[in-house]
Structure formats: structure tokens, C-alpha cells
Amino acid sequence: MTQLLFAIIISLMSMTATAKSIVVLGDSISAGYGIEVSQGWVALVRQKLNETGGAYSIHNESISGDTTAGGLARIDRALSLHKPDIVIIELGANDGLRGLAPALIKSNLAEIARRAQQAGAKVLLLGMKIPPSYGKRYTDLFYNIYPQLAAELAVPYVPFIMEDVALDKDMMQADRVHPNAKGQPFIADRVWPQLLPLLK
């Protein structure tokens, strides 16, 4: 009996030691604004992780209203606290809605990604878009931040995580900015194929 208990303890310690840690650094889209947190895409990805049978812990370090500057100010603490193997960055939309310079947004995102990489984490970048009312030139400059940065840092990215959601009123909240619970599985399904290779 004592030997069996010892074997179980050793097994549990081994699982803890090899567990992969994932940090999501995002804004309201990842924080689950306006819905139950358990309905959000991060929680749905956590379910997918559990179904793979691997040992994963996912830490949602997302804050509604956050900007790339806010993420940059918080990344060091998240890296120190969770020691992630993977960092998923979902930031930039609030910068764009404020009309901040695309070069500044890109610079902040790049520094977040570099710090994550320097800490030994793989990076997944989630792209966002802003309404066309901001003008074609600005919206193009904003949207191009993500593929440009992904290429420069050699990291995978999702072009626009709300591609199948943003224009469907049945999947959006009344503010037409945030996805509702119906839209969350579609976001999770866009993130998952890019996240899966990073788990290996």
C-alpha cells in the first residue's frame, strides 16, 4: 500500500513538472466581456486542451479595455508568475479604436512577443480588425500590423479571430463590438489550428 501511494505521488509530481503553461494576454475579447467567463473562447480552448489528454494549464491574463501599452506593462509579471511555454497575444483593437499610430501599436506588440520569446515561450499572435469608418488607409495599416509582425518574428498568427462572427448580428452583443456566447466557439475554432502545433 505504501509503495502504491509513493508511486502515485511520484506520478503526480512528474505530471506537474511536465505540464505546459499557456498565457493569454488580451483585452475584452479574451476576457469574456458581457458573458460568463466559462463561455468565452479561452475557456473553450481549455476544454480542447483537456480533451487532448495532455497536461496543460491556461492562464487568462486578459483585461477589458486593455491596450498594447497595457499588455507591455504586464507581460513581465505574467512571464514571471506563470513561466509559460506559450504566450497568446490578443491585443491592439483598443489602440486602433483610439486612432493610435500603427507604428506604435506594432512596436508594443513586437516587444511583448520578444520578451515572451526571450523567456523561452512560443508566441501565437491573434489578429484583429477595426471598423471601416476609420478610413481605408488607417484600417489597412492597422490590419497589416499582424502579418508583418508574424513574418518578422517568425511566429504563427490568426489573421482575424472574429472573421465569421463580427458581421453576424446573432453572434454579437448589442454593442456590435463584442461577440456573445454563440460566437465564442467560432473564435476558439480559429485559434485552435494555430495553437495545436505549438503544443508539440
Foldseek 3Di string as FASTA:
>chain_A
DVVVVVVVVVVVVVLVVPEAEEEEEEACLQCVPPAPNCLALQVVLVVVVVVVVHHYDYHYNYYHLDALVNSLVCLVVVCVVGVHQEYEYYHDASCVVVVHDLVVRLVSVLNSCVVCVVSNHAYEYEFAFYDCVVDDVSRVSNLVSVVVSCVVVVHHYQSHLCVVPLPDPVQPDPVSPYGYSVSRVSSSVSVVVRVVVSVD
